[in-house]
Amino acid sequence: IPNWGWAIVLLTILLRILLYPVNHKQMVSMKKMQEMQPKVEAIKRKYKKSPKDMDERNKMNQEIMALYKDEGVNPMGGCLPLLIQIPILWAFYNLLSAAIELRNAPFMLWITDLSAKDPWFITPILMGAAMFVQQMMTPSTGTEAQKKIFLLMPILFTWMFLSFPSGLVLYWLVNNLLQIAQMWLYQRKEKKEAAA
């Protein structure tokens, strides 16, 4: 592929295909966690009278973990794809910062150097918007405060990625768009199964 930008896009698609089983497992786990949330909240309400008593807190945590075990849900199942992607992101950052071949390598339109930041900040803003859409589509668990913090993540990531190499932002943007497509297909399939 003569264009490094398209090579990054194709590599991102390939990684998404390879990580599909892990990502699918994450979505199933998050859906189960969302369905279990009322039961978890009921356990928390049961122990609400003594929030500072460590023995009571331990009993509450044990009861919640027993619930997870009975339901066959791993509370850390939603974190696995992110943990797998962090080394990939770090490797891309190092590659795009140091690879001589990417210096002054154009992608298309305004991106004339994949190793430099986007001069118009268009790709980081698109990436932030895609992250926001992804957050809205993700089954939410946790308290209202946690949900608000998760909604701030796209703003934080957009601000961080403003100065990152545009090739890295391109990778993250395409990855987010593919995640949105995968979530949309999963939710559509789930609705069809529920209707049937």
N, C-alpha and C. Protein backbone atom coordinates (compact mmCIF):
# COMPACT_ATOMS: atom_id res chain seq x y z
N ILE A 1 0.87 -1.18 0.00
CA ILE A 1 0.00 0.00 0.00
C ILE A 1 0.91 1.23 0.00
N PRO A 2 0.86 2.04 -1.03
CA PRO A 2 1.79 3.16 -1.11
C PRO A 2 1.49 4.30 -0.12
N ASN A 3 0.25 4.38 0.35
CA ASN A 3 -0.13 5.46 1.26
C ASN A 3 -0.12 4.94 2.69
N TRP A 4 0.72 5.54 3.54
CA TRP A 4 0.85 5.08 4.93
C TRP A 4 -0.44 5.27 5.72
N GLY A 5 -1.21 6.29 5.41
CA GLY A 5 -2.48 6.51 6.11
C GLY A 5 -3.46 5.37 5.87
N TRP A 6 -3.56 4.93 4.60
CA TRP A 6 -4.45 3.81 4.29
C TRP A 6 -3.90 2.53 4.88
N ALA A 7 -2.58 2.41 4.99
CA ALA A 7 -1.98 1.24 5.64
C ALA A 7 -2.40 1.19 7.11
N ILE A 8 -2.43 2.35 7.77
CA ILE A 8 -2.88 2.42 9.17
C ILE A 8 -4.35 2.02 9.27
N VAL A 9 -5.18 2.51 8.34
CA VAL A 9 -6.61 2.17 8.34
C VAL A 9 -6.79 0.66 8.17
N LEU A 10 -6.09 0.07 7.19
CA LEU A 10 -6.23 -1.37 6.96
C LEU A 10 -5.70 -2.19 8.13
N LEU A 11 -4.60 -1.74 8.73
CA LEU A 11 -4.07 -2.44 9.91
C LEU A 11 -5.06 -2.37 11.08
N THR A 12 -5.72 -1.24 11.23
CA THR A 12 -6.73 -1.09 12.28
C THR A 12 -7.90 -2.05 12.05
N ILE A 13 -8.33 -2.16 10.79
CA ILE A 13 -9.42 -3.09 10.46
C ILE A 13 -8.98 -4.53 10.76
N LEU A 14 -7.76 -4.87 10.39
CA LEU A 14 -7.24 -6.21 10.65
C LEU A 14 -7.18 -6.50 12.15
N LEU A 15 -6.69 -5.53 12.94
CA LEU A 15 -6.64 -5.71 14.40
C LEU A 15 -8.03 -5.88 14.98
N ARG A 16 -9.00 -5.12 14.45
CA ARG A 16 -10.39 -5.20 14.92
C ARG A 16 -10.95 -6.59 14.66
N ILE A 17 -10.62 -7.14 13.47
CA ILE A 17 -11.10 -8.48 13.13
C ILE A 17 -10.46 -9.51 14.07
N LEU A 18 -9.14 -9.37 14.32
CA LEU A 18 -8.45 -10.30 15.21
C LEU A 18 -8.97 -10.21 16.64
N LEU A 19 -9.33 -9.00 17.08
CA LEU A 19 -9.80 -8.80 18.45
C LEU A 19 -11.32 -8.94 18.58
N TYR A 20 -12.00 -9.31 17.49
CA TYR A 20 -13.46 -9.41 17.54
C TYR A 20 -13.96 -10.33 18.65
N PRO A 21 -13.39 -11.54 18.82
CA PRO A 21 -13.92 -12.41 19.89
C PRO A 21 -13.81 -11.77 21.28
N VAL A 22 -12.71 -11.09 21.53
CA VAL A 22 -12.52 -10.45 22.83
C VAL A 22 -13.50 -9.29 23.00
N ASN A 23 -13.68 -8.50 21.94
CA ASN A 23 -14.61 -7.37 22.01
C ASN A 23 -16.05 -7.83 22.15
N HIS A 24 -16.39 -8.93 21.46
CA HIS A 24 -17.75 -9.47 21.58
C HIS A 24 -18.00 -9.94 23.00
N LYS A 25 -17.01 -10.61 23.57
CA LYS A 25 -17.14 -11.08 24.96
C LYS A 25 -17.33 -9.89 25.91
N GLN A 26 -16.62 -8.77 25.63
CA GLN A 26 -16.76 -7.57 26.44
C GLN A 26 -18.19 -7.04 26.37
N MET A 27 -18.76 -6.99 25.16
CA MET A 27 -20.13 -6.47 25.02
C MET A 27 -21.14 -7.36 25.73
N VAL A 28 -20.97 -8.67 25.63
CA VAL A 28 -21.88 -9.60 26.32
C VAL A 28 -21.74 -9.41 27.83
N SER A 29 -20.51 -9.27 28.31
CA SER A 29 -20.27 -9.08 29.74
C SER A 29 -20.89 -7.77 30.23
N MET A 30 -20.73 -6.71 29.44
CA MET A 30 -21.31 -5.42 29.84
C MET A 30 -22.83 -5.47 29.88
N LYS A 31 -23.43 -6.20 28.94
CA LYS A 31 -24.88 -6.35 28.92
C LYS A 31 -25.36 -7.10 30.16
N LYS A 32 -24.64 -8.17 30.52
CA LYS A 32 -25.00 -8.93 31.72
C LYS A 32 -24.85 -8.07 32.97
N MET A 33 -23.78 -7.27 33.00
CA MET A 33 -23.57 -6.38 34.15
C MET A 33 -24.73 -5.38 34.27
N GLN A 34 -25.18 -4.87 33.12
CA GLN A 34 -26.30 -3.92 33.14
C GLN A 34 -27.58 -4.60 33.64
N GLU A 35 -27.80 -5.84 33.21
CA GLU A 35 -28.99 -6.57 33.66
C GLU A 35 -28.93 -6.89 35.15
N MET A 36 -27.72 -7.09 35.67
CA MET A 36 -27.55 -7.42 37.09
C MET A 36 -27.59 -6.19 37.99
N GLN A 37 -27.50 -5.02 37.43
CA GLN A 37 -27.38 -3.79 38.22
C GLN A 37 -28.47 -3.64 39.28
N PRO A 38 -29.75 -3.93 38.99
CA PRO A 38 -30.77 -3.81 40.05
C PRO A 38 -30.48 -4.72 41.25
N LYS A 39 -29.97 -5.94 41.00
CA LYS A 39 -29.65 -6.85 42.10
C LYS A 39 -28.47 -6.32 42.92
N VAL A 40 -27.47 -5.76 42.23
CA VAL A 40 -26.31 -5.18 42.93
C VAL A 40 -26.76 -4.00 43.78
N GLU A 41 -27.63 -3.16 43.22
CA GLU A 41 -28.13 -2.00 43.97
C GLU A 41 -28.94 -2.44 45.19
N ALA A 42 -29.68 -3.53 45.05
CA ALA A 42 -30.45 -4.05 46.20
C ALA A 42 -29.51 -4.50 47.32
N ILE A 43 -28.41 -5.15 46.95
CA ILE A 43 -27.42 -5.57 47.97
C ILE A 43 -26.80 -4.34 48.63
N LYS A 44 -26.49 -3.33 47.84
CA LYS A 44 -25.88 -2.10 48.40
C LYS A 44 -26.85 -1.40 49.36
N ARG A 45 -28.15 -1.39 48.99
CA ARG A 45 -29.15 -0.76 49.87
C ARG A 45 -29.26 -1.52 51.19
N LYS A 46 -29.11 -2.83 51.11
CA LYS A 46 -29.20 -3.68 52.30
C LYS A 46 -28.12 -3.30 53.33
N TYR A 47 -26.95 -2.91 52.86
CA TYR A 47 -25.84 -2.57 53.75
C TYR A 47 -25.60 -1.06 53.87
N LYS A 48 -26.56 -0.27 53.44
CA LYS A 48 -26.40 1.18 53.42
C LYS A 48 -26.37 1.81 54.82
N LYS A 49 -26.95 1.15 55.80
CA LYS A 49 -27.07 1.72 57.14
C LYS A 49 -25.71 1.91 57.82
N SER A 50 -24.77 1.05 57.49
CA SER A 50 -23.45 1.18 58.14
C SER A 50 -22.35 1.21 57.07
N PRO A 51 -22.22 2.33 56.34
CA PRO A 51 -21.26 2.39 55.22
C PRO A 51 -19.79 2.39 55.66
N LYS A 52 -19.51 2.77 56.92
CA LYS A 52 -18.12 2.85 57.36
C LYS A 52 -17.66 1.61 58.13
N ASP A 53 -18.58 0.70 58.41
CA ASP A 53 -18.25 -0.53 59.12
C ASP A 53 -17.58 -1.49 58.12
N MET A 54 -16.31 -1.77 58.36
CA MET A 54 -15.53 -2.59 57.42
C MET A 54 -16.04 -4.02 57.33
N ASP A 55 -16.53 -4.57 58.42
CA ASP A 55 -17.07 -5.94 58.39
C ASP A 55 -18.32 -6.00 57.50
N GLU A 56 -19.18 -5.01 57.67
CA GLU A 56 -20.39 -4.95 56.85
C GLU A 56 -20.04 -4.74 55.37
N ARG A 57 -19.05 -3.91 55.14
CA ARG A 57 -18.60 -3.66 53.76
C ARG A 57 -18.03 -4.92 53.12
N ASN A 58 -17.26 -5.66 53.90
CA ASN A 58 -16.72 -6.93 53.40
C ASN A 58 -17.83 -7.92 53.08
N LYS A 59 -18.85 -7.97 53.97
CA LYS A 59 -19.99 -8.86 53.71
C LYS A 59 -20.71 -8.45 52.42
N MET A 60 -20.88 -7.14 52.24
CA MET A 60 -21.53 -6.64 51.04
C MET A 60 -20.73 -7.04 49.79
N ASN A 61 -19.41 -6.83 49.83
CA ASN A 61 -18.56 -7.19 48.69
C ASN A 61 -18.60 -8.68 48.40
N GLN A 62 -18.60 -9.49 49.46
CA GLN A 62 -18.68 -10.94 49.28
C GLN A 62 -20.01 -11.34 48.64
N GLU A 63 -21.08 -10.69 49.08
CA GLU A 63 -22.39 -10.99 48.52
C GLU A 63 -22.46 -10.59 47.04
N ILE A 64 -21.87 -9.45 46.71
CA ILE A 64 -21.85 -9.01 45.30
C ILE A 64 -21.01 -9.97 44.46
N MET A 65 -19.86 -10.39 44.98
CA MET A 65 -19.00 -11.32 44.24
C MET A 65 -19.70 -12.68 44.06
N ALA A 66 -20.46 -13.11 45.07
CA ALA A 66 -21.21 -14.36 44.97
C ALA A 66 -22.29 -14.24 43.88
N LEU A 67 -22.92 -13.06 43.81
CA LEU A 67 -23.91 -12.81 42.77
C LEU A 67 -23.26 -12.90 41.39
N TYR A 68 -22.10 -12.26 41.24
CA TYR A 68 -21.38 -12.33 39.96
C TYR A 68 -21.07 -13.78 39.59
N LYS A 69 -20.63 -14.55 40.58
CA LYS A 69 -20.27 -15.95 40.34
C LYS A 69 -21.51 -16.76 39.94
N ASP A 70 -22.63 -16.55 40.66
CA ASP A 70 -23.86 -17.27 40.35
C ASP A 70 -24.37 -16.94 38.94
N GLU A 71 -24.22 -15.68 38.54
CA GLU A 71 -24.71 -15.24 37.24
C GLU A 71 -23.70 -15.53 36.12
N GLY A 72 -22.48 -15.95 36.49
CA GLY A 72 -21.45 -16.25 35.49
C GLY A 72 -20.88 -15.02 34.83
N VAL A 73 -20.76 -13.93 35.60
CA VAL A 73 -20.26 -12.67 35.07
C VAL A 73 -18.92 -12.35 35.71
N ASN A 74 -17.97 -11.95 34.88
CA ASN A 74 -16.68 -11.51 35.37
C ASN A 74 -16.68 -9.98 35.38
N PRO A 75 -16.60 -9.34 36.56
CA PRO A 75 -16.65 -7.88 36.59
C PRO A 75 -15.49 -7.21 35.85
N MET A 76 -14.39 -7.93 35.65
CA MET A 76 -13.25 -7.38 34.92
C MET A 76 -13.33 -7.69 33.43
N GLY A 77 -14.37 -8.40 32.98
CA GLY A 77 -14.50 -8.78 31.58
C GLY A 77 -14.58 -7.60 30.63
N GLY A 78 -15.11 -6.49 31.10
CA GLY A 78 -15.22 -5.31 30.25
C GLY A 78 -13.91 -4.57 30.07
N CYS A 79 -12.92 -4.86 30.89
CA CYS A 79 -11.63 -4.14 30.83
C CYS A 79 -10.62 -4.82 29.91
N LEU A 80 -10.81 -6.10 29.61
CA LEU A 80 -9.82 -6.85 28.86
C LEU A 80 -9.46 -6.23 27.50
N PRO A 81 -10.45 -5.87 26.64
CA PRO A 81 -10.07 -5.29 25.36
C PRO A 81 -9.26 -4.00 25.49
N LEU A 82 -9.59 -3.19 26.48
CA LEU A 82 -8.83 -1.95 26.68
C LEU A 82 -7.40 -2.28 27.09
N LEU A 83 -7.22 -3.27 27.96
CA LEU A 83 -5.87 -3.67 28.38
C LEU A 83 -5.06 -4.23 27.22
N ILE A 84 -5.74 -4.90 26.28
CA ILE A 84 -5.05 -5.43 25.11
C ILE A 84 -4.67 -4.29 24.17
N GLN A 85 -5.52 -3.27 24.06
CA GLN A 85 -5.28 -2.18 23.11
C GLN A 85 -4.24 -1.18 23.60
N ILE A 86 -4.03 -1.07 24.89
CA ILE A 86 -3.05 -0.09 25.40
C ILE A 86 -1.65 -0.36 24.86
N PRO A 87 -1.13 -1.61 24.87
CA PRO A 87 0.19 -1.83 24.27
C PRO A 87 0.23 -1.51 22.78
N ILE A 88 -0.88 -1.79 22.07
CA ILE A 88 -0.94 -1.47 20.64
C ILE A 88 -0.87 0.03 20.45
N LEU A 89 -1.63 0.78 21.25
CA LEU A 89 -1.62 2.24 21.17
C LEU A 89 -0.22 2.78 21.49
N TRP A 90 0.41 2.23 22.50
CA TRP A 90 1.76 2.67 22.88
C TRP A 90 2.76 2.38 21.76
N ALA A 91 2.64 1.19 21.16
CA ALA A 91 3.53 0.83 20.05
C ALA A 91 3.32 1.76 18.86
N PHE A 92 2.04 2.07 18.55
CA PHE A 92 1.75 3.01 17.46
C PHE A 92 2.33 4.38 17.76
N TYR A 93 2.19 4.83 18.98
CA TYR A 93 2.72 6.14 19.35
C TYR A 93 4.24 6.18 19.13
N ASN A 94 4.93 5.14 19.61
CA ASN A 94 6.38 5.09 19.42
C ASN A 94 6.76 4.98 17.95
N LEU A 95 6.01 4.18 17.20
CA LEU A 95 6.28 4.02 15.78
C LEU A 95 6.09 5.34 15.04
N LEU A 96 4.97 5.99 15.28
CA LEU A 96 4.66 7.22 14.55
C LEU A 96 5.55 8.38 14.98
N SER A 97 6.08 8.31 16.18
CA SER A 97 6.98 9.37 16.64
C SER A 97 8.40 9.19 16.11
N ALA A 98 8.79 7.94 15.82
CA ALA A 98 10.19 7.67 15.49
C ALA A 98 10.42 7.18 14.07
N ALA A 99 9.42 6.66 13.39
CA ALA A 99 9.63 6.06 12.06
C ALA A 99 9.97 7.14 11.04
N ILE A 100 11.11 6.98 10.42
CA ILE A 100 11.57 7.93 9.40
C ILE A 100 10.62 7.91 8.20
N GLU A 101 10.10 6.71 7.86
CA GLU A 101 9.23 6.58 6.68
C GLU A 101 7.95 7.41 6.80
N LEU A 102 7.49 7.65 8.03
CA LEU A 102 6.24 8.38 8.22
C LEU A 102 6.43 9.90 8.25
N ARG A 103 7.64 10.34 8.38
CA ARG A 103 7.89 11.79 8.38
C ARG A 103 7.52 12.34 7.01
N ASN A 104 6.68 13.35 7.02
CA ASN A 104 6.18 14.01 5.79
C ASN A 104 5.39 13.06 4.89
N ALA A 105 4.92 11.94 5.43
CA ALA A 105 4.09 11.00 4.66
C ALA A 105 2.66 11.51 4.68
N PRO A 106 2.12 11.91 3.53
CA PRO A 106 0.76 12.44 3.51
C PRO A 106 -0.28 11.32 3.56
N PHE A 107 -1.45 11.66 4.08
CA PHE A 107 -2.57 10.72 4.05
C PHE A 107 -3.55 11.18 2.98
N MET A 108 -4.29 12.22 3.29
CA MET A 108 -5.21 12.82 2.32
C MET A 108 -5.64 14.19 2.83
N LEU A 109 -6.09 15.00 1.93
CA LEU A 109 -6.59 16.36 2.21
C LEU A 109 -5.58 17.15 3.04
N TRP A 110 -5.94 17.54 4.26
CA TRP A 110 -5.10 18.43 5.06
C TRP A 110 -3.99 17.70 5.82
N ILE A 111 -4.04 16.38 5.91
CA ILE A 111 -3.02 15.64 6.66
C ILE A 111 -1.84 15.37 5.72
N THR A 112 -0.80 16.16 5.89
CA THR A 112 0.38 16.05 5.02
C THR A 112 1.56 15.38 5.70
N ASP A 113 1.43 15.10 7.00
CA ASP A 113 2.50 14.44 7.74
C ASP A 113 1.88 13.60 8.85
N LEU A 114 1.93 12.28 8.68
CA LEU A 114 1.31 11.38 9.66
C LEU A 114 2.05 11.34 10.99
N SER A 115 3.30 11.83 11.02
CA SER A 115 4.05 11.83 12.27
C SER A 115 3.89 13.14 13.04
N ALA A 116 3.15 14.09 12.47
CA ALA A 116 2.91 15.39 13.12
C ALA A 116 1.44 15.49 13.52
N LYS A 117 1.13 16.41 14.41
CA LYS A 117 -0.26 16.59 14.82
C LYS A 117 -1.09 17.14 13.67
N ASP A 118 -2.39 16.90 13.75
CA ASP A 118 -3.33 17.40 12.75
C ASP A 118 -3.33 18.93 12.83
N PRO A 119 -2.96 19.64 11.75
CA PRO A 119 -2.86 21.10 11.84
C PRO A 119 -4.19 21.80 12.07
N TRP A 120 -5.30 21.18 11.69
CA TRP A 120 -6.62 21.79 11.86
C TRP A 120 -7.41 21.14 13.00
N PHE A 121 -6.83 20.15 13.66
CA PHE A 121 -7.46 19.44 14.79
C PHE A 121 -8.78 18.77 14.43
N ILE A 122 -8.96 18.47 13.15
CA ILE A 122 -10.22 17.85 12.70
C ILE A 122 -10.30 16.40 13.16
N THR A 123 -9.22 15.62 12.96
CA THR A 123 -9.29 14.21 13.34
C THR A 123 -9.43 14.01 14.85
N PRO A 124 -8.75 14.81 15.71
CA PRO A 124 -9.01 14.62 17.15
C PRO A 124 -10.45 14.95 17.55
N ILE A 125 -11.02 15.97 16.91
CA ILE A 125 -12.41 16.34 17.23
C ILE A 125 -13.37 15.24 16.75
N LEU A 126 -13.12 14.71 15.54
CA LEU A 126 -13.94 13.59 15.05
C LEU A 126 -13.79 12.37 15.96
N MET A 127 -12.56 12.13 16.43
CA MET A 127 -12.31 11.01 17.34
C MET A 127 -13.09 11.20 18.64
N GLY A 128 -13.09 12.42 19.18
CA GLY A 128 -13.85 12.71 20.40
C GLY A 128 -15.34 12.52 20.20
N ALA A 129 -15.85 12.96 19.04
CA ALA A 129 -17.27 12.79 18.73
C ALA A 129 -17.62 11.30 18.62
N ALA A 130 -16.73 10.54 17.96
CA ALA A 130 -16.96 9.09 17.84
C ALA A 130 -16.93 8.43 19.22
N MET A 131 -16.02 8.87 20.08
CA MET A 131 -15.97 8.33 21.45
C MET A 131 -17.25 8.63 22.21
N PHE A 132 -17.79 9.84 22.02
CA PHE A 132 -19.03 10.22 22.69
C PHE A 132 -20.18 9.32 22.22
N VAL A 133 -20.28 9.11 20.91
CA VAL A 133 -21.33 8.23 20.37
C VAL A 133 -21.16 6.82 20.94
N GLN A 134 -19.92 6.37 20.98
CA GLN A 134 -19.62 5.04 21.53
C GLN A 134 -20.05 4.95 23.00
N GLN A 135 -19.78 5.99 23.79
CA GLN A 135 -20.18 6.01 25.20
C GLN A 135 -21.70 5.95 25.33
N MET A 136 -22.41 6.67 24.45
CA MET A 136 -23.87 6.68 24.52
C MET A 136 -24.46 5.31 24.16
N MET A 137 -23.77 4.57 23.29
CA MET A 137 -24.27 3.26 22.87
C MET A 137 -23.91 2.16 23.86
N THR A 138 -22.90 2.39 24.69
CA THR A 138 -22.42 1.37 25.62
C THR A 138 -23.41 1.16 26.75
N PRO A 139 -23.75 -0.09 27.06
CA PRO A 139 -24.62 -0.34 28.21
C PRO A 139 -23.97 0.22 29.47
N SER A 140 -24.70 1.04 30.20
CA SER A 140 -24.10 1.72 31.35
C SER A 140 -24.40 0.97 32.64
N THR A 141 -23.36 0.87 33.45
CA THR A 141 -23.50 0.31 34.79
C THR A 141 -22.88 1.32 35.75
N GLY A 142 -23.15 1.19 36.99
CA GLY A 142 -22.56 2.09 37.97
C GLY A 142 -23.50 3.20 38.37
N THR A 143 -22.98 4.09 39.20
CA THR A 143 -23.78 5.19 39.73
C THR A 143 -23.88 6.32 38.71
N GLU A 144 -24.74 7.28 39.01
CA GLU A 144 -24.89 8.44 38.13
C GLU A 144 -23.59 9.23 38.04
N ALA A 145 -22.86 9.33 39.15
CA ALA A 145 -21.58 10.05 39.14
C ALA A 145 -20.59 9.36 38.21
N GLN A 146 -20.54 8.02 38.25
CA GLN A 146 -19.64 7.28 37.36
C GLN A 146 -20.03 7.47 35.90
N LYS A 147 -21.34 7.50 35.62
CA LYS A 147 -21.80 7.70 34.24
C LYS A 147 -21.37 9.08 33.73
N LYS A 148 -21.45 10.10 34.60
CA LYS A 148 -21.03 11.45 34.20
C LYS A 148 -19.53 11.51 33.94
N ILE A 149 -18.77 10.79 34.77
CA ILE A 149 -17.31 10.75 34.57
C ILE A 149 -17.00 10.09 33.23
N PHE A 150 -17.70 9.00 32.91
CA PHE A 150 -17.48 8.34 31.62
C PHE A 150 -17.82 9.26 30.45
N LEU A 151 -18.82 10.11 30.62
CA LEU A 151 -19.17 11.05 29.55
C LEU A 151 -18.11 12.14 29.39
N LEU A 152 -17.30 12.37 30.41
CA LEU A 152 -16.21 13.34 30.30
C LEU A 152 -14.99 12.76 29.59
N MET A 153 -14.91 11.44 29.51
CA MET A 153 -13.76 10.79 28.88
C MET A 153 -13.52 11.25 27.44
N PRO A 154 -14.56 11.37 26.59
CA PRO A 154 -14.29 11.84 25.22
C PRO A 154 -13.65 13.24 25.19
N ILE A 155 -14.05 14.10 26.12
CA ILE A 155 -13.46 15.44 26.17
C ILE A 155 -11.99 15.35 26.56
N LEU A 156 -11.70 14.53 27.56
CA LEU A 156 -10.33 14.35 28.02
C LEU A 156 -9.46 13.76 26.90
N PHE A 157 -9.95 12.72 26.24
CA PHE A 157 -9.19 12.09 25.17
C PHE A 157 -8.98 13.05 24.00
N THR A 158 -10.01 13.83 23.65
CA THR A 158 -9.87 14.81 22.57
C THR A 158 -8.76 15.79 22.90
N TRP A 159 -8.77 16.31 24.12
CA TRP A 159 -7.74 17.26 24.54
C TRP A 159 -6.35 16.62 24.49
N MET A 160 -6.24 15.37 24.97
CA MET A 160 -4.94 14.67 24.94
C MET A 160 -4.45 14.45 23.51
N PHE A 161 -5.36 14.05 22.62
CA PHE A 161 -4.97 13.68 21.27
C PHE A 161 -4.74 14.88 20.35
N LEU A 162 -5.02 16.08 20.80
CA LEU A 162 -4.79 17.27 19.97
C LEU A 162 -3.33 17.38 19.54
N SER A 163 -2.41 16.97 20.41
CA SER A 163 -0.99 17.11 20.10
C SER A 163 -0.34 15.79 19.67
N PHE A 164 -1.11 14.72 19.58
CA PHE A 164 -0.56 13.43 19.18
C PHE A 164 -0.37 13.40 17.66
N PRO A 165 0.51 12.52 17.16
CA PRO A 165 0.69 12.39 15.72
C PRO A 165 -0.63 12.02 15.04
N SER A 166 -0.88 12.61 13.88
CA SER A 166 -2.17 12.40 13.21
C SER A 166 -2.37 10.93 12.81
N GLY A 167 -1.29 10.19 12.59
CA GLY A 167 -1.42 8.76 12.29
C GLY A 167 -2.00 8.00 13.47
N LEU A 168 -1.59 8.35 14.68
CA LEU A 168 -2.12 7.71 15.88
C LEU A 168 -3.59 8.08 16.08
N VAL A 169 -3.92 9.35 15.85
CA VAL A 169 -5.31 9.79 15.98
C VAL A 169 -6.17 9.08 14.93
N LEU A 170 -5.62 8.92 13.73
CA LEU A 170 -6.32 8.20 12.66
C LEU A 170 -6.61 6.77 13.10
N TYR A 171 -5.63 6.10 13.69
CA TYR A 171 -5.84 4.74 14.19
C TYR A 171 -6.98 4.71 15.21
N TRP A 172 -6.94 5.63 16.18
CA TRP A 172 -7.94 5.63 17.25
C TRP A 172 -9.32 5.99 16.71
N LEU A 173 -9.38 6.92 15.75
CA LEU A 173 -10.66 7.31 15.13
C LEU A 173 -11.27 6.12 14.39
N VAL A 174 -10.49 5.46 13.54
CA VAL A 174 -11.00 4.31 12.79
C VAL A 174 -11.41 3.19 13.76
N ASN A 175 -10.62 2.98 14.80
CA ASN A 175 -10.94 1.97 15.80
C ASN A 175 -12.29 2.28 16.47
N ASN A 176 -12.51 3.54 16.83
CA ASN A 176 -13.79 3.93 17.45
C ASN A 176 -14.95 3.74 16.49
N LEU A 177 -14.76 4.09 15.21
CA LEU A 177 -15.84 3.93 14.23
C LEU A 177 -16.18 2.45 14.04
N LEU A 178 -15.15 1.62 14.01
CA LEU A 178 -15.40 0.18 13.90
C LEU A 178 -16.08 -0.38 15.15
N GLN A 179 -15.73 0.15 16.31
CA GLN A 179 -16.39 -0.26 17.57
C GLN A 179 -17.87 0.14 17.54
N ILE A 180 -18.16 1.34 17.05
CA ILE A 180 -19.55 1.79 16.94
C ILE A 180 -20.33 0.85 16.02
N ALA A 181 -19.73 0.51 14.87
CA ALA A 181 -20.39 -0.40 13.92
C ALA A 181 -20.64 -1.76 14.56
N GLN A 182 -19.65 -2.27 15.30
CA GLN A 182 -19.81 -3.57 15.96
C GLN A 182 -20.91 -3.51 17.01
N MET A 183 -20.95 -2.43 17.79
CA MET A 183 -21.99 -2.29 18.82
C MET A 183 -23.37 -2.18 18.17
N TRP A 184 -23.47 -1.43 17.08
CA TRP A 184 -24.74 -1.27 16.39
C TRP A 184 -25.25 -2.62 15.89
N LEU A 185 -24.34 -3.41 15.28
CA LEU A 185 -24.73 -4.74 14.80
C LEU A 185 -25.14 -5.65 15.94
N TYR A 186 -24.40 -5.58 17.06
CA TYR A 186 -24.72 -6.41 18.23
C TYR A 186 -26.10 -6.03 18.79
N GLN A 187 -26.36 -4.73 18.93
CA GLN A 187 -27.64 -4.28 19.47
C GLN A 187 -28.79 -4.61 18.52
N ARG A 188 -28.54 -4.51 17.23
CA ARG A 188 -29.57 -4.84 16.25
C ARG A 188 -29.92 -6.33 16.33
N LYS A 189 -28.89 -7.17 16.43
CA LYS A 189 -29.10 -8.62 16.54
C LYS A 189 -29.86 -8.94 17.82
N GLU A 190 -29.49 -8.25 18.90
CA GLU A 190 -30.14 -8.48 20.19
C GLU A 190 -31.62 -8.10 20.13
N LYS A 191 -31.95 -7.00 19.45
CA LYS A 191 -33.35 -6.59 19.30
C LYS A 191 -34.14 -7.60 18.50
N LYS A 192 -33.53 -8.13 17.43
CA LYS A 192 -34.21 -9.13 16.60
C LYS A 192 -34.48 -10.39 17.42
N GLU A 193 -33.49 -10.81 18.24
CA GLU A 193 -33.67 -12.00 19.07
C GLU A 193 -34.76 -11.77 20.12
N ALA A 194 -34.80 -10.55 20.69
CA ALA A 194 -35.83 -10.24 21.68
C ALA A 194 -37.21 -10.22 21.05
N ALA A 195 -37.31 -9.70 19.81
CA ALA A 195 -38.59 -9.66 19.12
C ALA A 195 -39.06 -11.06 18.76
N ALA A 196 -38.12 -11.93 18.42
CA ALA A 196 -38.48 -13.31 18.05
C ALA A 196 -38.90 -14.07 19.30
